[in-house]
């Protein structure tokens, strides 16, 4: 799964932005960059677990 697929699986740009308290533009930038900021790892993992996504690669995150 890549970042774009993960964002969609977690409910899309606007839903993820709201869940992480960031702007939709920020999420769109992550999609373009192909990585998510590591500071959001725990929350993304929790959201993924709620959606039944069992595994998220650490390669999808960058140290910010």
N, C-alpha and C. Protein backbone atom coordinates (compact mmCIF):
# COMPACT_ATOMS: atom_id res chain seq x y z
N UNK A 1 0.85 -1.17 0.00
CA UNK A 1 0.00 0.00 0.00
C UNK A 1 0.90 1.24 0.00
N UNK A 2 0.58 2.19 -0.87
CA UNK A 2 1.33 3.44 -0.89
C UNK A 2 0.56 4.51 -0.12
N UNK A 3 1.11 5.71 -0.03
CA UNK A 3 0.49 6.77 0.76
C UNK A 3 -0.88 7.16 0.20
N UNK A 4 -0.99 7.29 -1.11
CA UNK A 4 -2.28 7.66 -1.71
C UNK A 4 -3.35 6.62 -1.38
N UNK A 5 -2.99 5.36 -1.48
CA UNK A 5 -3.94 4.29 -1.15
C UNK A 5 -4.31 4.31 0.33
N UNK A 6 -3.32 4.57 1.18
CA UNK A 6 -3.58 4.63 2.62
C UNK A 6 -4.52 5.79 2.95
N UNK A 7 -4.27 6.94 2.36
CA UNK A 7 -5.14 8.10 2.60
C UNK A 7 -6.58 7.77 2.21
N UNK A 8 -6.76 7.17 1.07
CA UNK A 8 -8.11 6.79 0.63
C UNK A 8 -8.73 5.75 1.57
N UNK A 9 -7.93 4.78 1.99
CA UNK A 9 -8.43 3.73 2.88
C UNK A 9 -8.84 4.30 4.24
N UNK A 10 -8.22 5.40 4.63
CA UNK A 10 -8.54 6.02 5.92
C UNK A 10 -9.67 7.03 5.81
N UNK A 11 -10.28 7.13 4.64
CA UNK A 11 -11.46 7.99 4.49
C UNK A 11 -11.27 9.17 3.57
N UNK A 12 -10.09 9.31 3.00
CA UNK A 12 -9.86 10.40 2.06
C UNK A 12 -9.17 11.59 2.70
N UNK A 13 -8.84 12.53 1.85
CA UNK A 13 -8.06 13.70 2.26
C UNK A 13 -8.72 14.49 3.38
N UNK A 14 -9.97 14.88 3.20
CA UNK A 14 -10.63 15.72 4.20
C UNK A 14 -10.82 15.00 5.52
N UNK A 15 -11.20 13.73 5.47
CA UNK A 15 -11.39 12.97 6.70
C UNK A 15 -10.08 12.83 7.47
N UNK A 16 -9.01 12.49 6.76
CA UNK A 16 -7.72 12.33 7.44
C UNK A 16 -7.22 13.67 7.99
N UNK A 17 -7.41 14.74 7.22
CA UNK A 17 -7.00 16.07 7.70
C UNK A 17 -7.70 16.41 9.01
N UNK A 18 -9.00 16.17 9.06
CA UNK A 18 -9.76 16.45 10.28
C UNK A 18 -9.28 15.58 11.43
N UNK A 19 -9.07 14.30 11.17
CA UNK A 19 -8.64 13.37 12.21
C UNK A 19 -7.28 13.73 12.78
N UNK A 20 -6.41 14.29 11.94
CA UNK A 20 -5.06 14.63 12.38
C UNK A 20 -4.89 16.11 12.73
N UNK A 21 -5.98 16.87 12.63
CA UNK A 21 -5.95 18.31 12.92
C UNK A 21 -4.94 19.05 12.05
N UNK A 22 -4.96 18.74 10.77
CA UNK A 22 -4.11 19.43 9.80
C UNK A 22 -5.01 19.89 8.64
N UNK A 23 -4.47 20.69 7.76
CA UNK A 23 -5.25 21.17 6.63
C UNK A 23 -5.33 20.10 5.54
N UNK A 24 -6.40 20.12 4.76
CA UNK A 24 -6.47 19.22 3.61
C UNK A 24 -5.30 19.43 2.64
N UNK A 25 -4.83 20.66 2.52
CA UNK A 25 -3.68 20.94 1.66
C UNK A 25 -2.44 20.19 2.15
N UNK A 26 -2.29 20.09 3.46
CA UNK A 26 -1.16 19.34 4.02
C UNK A 26 -1.23 17.88 3.63
N UNK A 27 -2.41 17.30 3.72
CA UNK A 27 -2.59 15.89 3.36
C UNK A 27 -2.33 15.71 1.86
N UNK A 28 -2.79 16.66 1.05
CA UNK A 28 -2.53 16.57 -0.40
C UNK A 28 -1.02 16.63 -0.67
N UNK A 29 -0.30 17.45 0.09
CA UNK A 29 1.16 17.51 -0.07
C UNK A 29 1.81 16.18 0.29
N UNK A 30 1.32 15.54 1.34
CA UNK A 30 1.87 14.23 1.72
C UNK A 30 1.63 13.23 0.62
N UNK A 31 0.43 13.29 0.03
CA UNK A 31 0.10 12.37 -1.06
C UNK A 31 1.08 12.58 -2.23
N UNK A 32 1.35 13.84 -2.55
CA UNK A 32 2.28 14.15 -3.64
C UNK A 32 3.71 13.72 -3.31
N UNK A 33 4.10 13.95 -2.07
CA UNK A 33 5.45 13.61 -1.61
C UNK A 33 5.63 12.10 -1.48
N UNK A 34 4.52 11.41 -1.17
CA UNK A 34 4.59 9.95 -1.03
C UNK A 34 4.98 9.49 0.35
N UNK A 35 4.94 10.39 1.31
CA UNK A 35 5.27 10.04 2.70
C UNK A 35 4.42 10.87 3.65
N UNK A 36 4.23 10.33 4.84
CA UNK A 36 3.51 11.02 5.91
C UNK A 36 4.51 11.40 7.00
N UNK A 37 4.30 12.52 7.69
CA UNK A 37 5.20 12.88 8.79
C UNK A 37 5.14 11.85 9.92
N UNK A 38 6.29 11.48 10.43
CA UNK A 38 6.36 10.46 11.48
C UNK A 38 5.60 10.86 12.74
N UNK A 39 5.46 12.15 12.97
CA UNK A 39 4.75 12.59 14.19
C UNK A 39 3.29 12.13 14.21
N UNK A 40 2.76 11.74 13.05
CA UNK A 40 1.38 11.29 12.98
C UNK A 40 1.25 9.76 12.97
N UNK A 41 2.37 9.06 13.14
CA UNK A 41 2.36 7.60 13.02
C UNK A 41 1.34 6.94 13.95
N UNK A 42 1.36 7.28 15.22
CA UNK A 42 0.48 6.60 16.19
C UNK A 42 -0.99 6.83 15.86
N UNK A 43 -1.34 8.04 15.49
CA UNK A 43 -2.74 8.33 15.17
C UNK A 43 -3.15 7.63 13.87
N UNK A 44 -2.27 7.63 12.86
CA UNK A 44 -2.56 6.94 11.60
C UNK A 44 -2.72 5.45 11.86
N UNK A 45 -1.86 4.89 12.69
CA UNK A 45 -1.95 3.47 13.02
C UNK A 45 -3.29 3.17 13.72
N UNK A 46 -3.71 4.03 14.63
CA UNK A 46 -4.99 3.83 15.32
C UNK A 46 -6.15 3.91 14.33
N UNK A 47 -6.11 4.88 13.43
CA UNK A 47 -7.17 5.01 12.42
C UNK A 47 -7.19 3.78 11.51
N UNK A 48 -6.00 3.32 11.14
CA UNK A 48 -5.91 2.14 10.27
C UNK A 48 -6.49 0.91 10.97
N UNK A 49 -6.19 0.75 12.23
CA UNK A 49 -6.71 -0.38 13.00
C UNK A 49 -8.24 -0.33 13.04
N UNK A 50 -8.80 0.86 13.23
CA UNK A 50 -10.25 1.03 13.23
C UNK A 50 -10.86 0.61 11.89
N UNK A 51 -10.11 0.83 10.80
CA UNK A 51 -10.60 0.51 9.46
C UNK A 51 -10.26 -0.92 9.04
N UNK A 52 -9.61 -1.68 9.93
CA UNK A 52 -9.27 -3.06 9.62
C UNK A 52 -8.01 -3.23 8.79
N UNK A 53 -7.18 -2.21 8.77
CA UNK A 53 -5.91 -2.29 8.05
C UNK A 53 -4.88 -2.81 9.05
N UNK A 54 -4.34 -3.99 8.75
CA UNK A 54 -3.48 -4.68 9.71
C UNK A 54 -2.05 -4.19 9.76
N UNK A 55 -1.54 -3.73 8.65
CA UNK A 55 -0.12 -3.42 8.59
C UNK A 55 0.13 -2.15 7.80
N UNK A 56 0.96 -1.28 8.36
CA UNK A 56 1.38 -0.06 7.67
C UNK A 56 2.90 -0.04 7.71
N UNK A 57 3.50 0.08 6.57
CA UNK A 57 4.96 0.10 6.47
C UNK A 57 5.52 1.41 7.03
N UNK A 58 6.58 1.28 7.79
CA UNK A 58 7.27 2.48 8.28
C UNK A 58 7.88 3.29 7.14
N UNK A 59 8.05 2.66 5.99
CA UNK A 59 8.58 3.35 4.82
C UNK A 59 7.64 4.45 4.32
N UNK A 60 6.40 4.44 4.77
CA UNK A 60 5.44 5.46 4.36
C UNK A 60 5.58 6.76 5.17
N UNK A 61 6.48 6.76 6.13
CA UNK A 61 6.65 7.91 7.02
C UNK A 61 8.07 8.46 6.91
N UNK A 62 8.17 9.78 7.09
CA UNK A 62 9.49 10.43 7.12
C UNK A 62 9.62 11.16 8.44
N UNK A 63 10.83 11.20 8.94
CA UNK A 63 11.15 11.85 10.19
C UNK A 63 11.08 13.36 9.95
N UNK A 64 10.20 14.03 10.67
CA UNK A 64 10.05 15.47 10.47
C UNK A 64 10.56 16.28 11.64
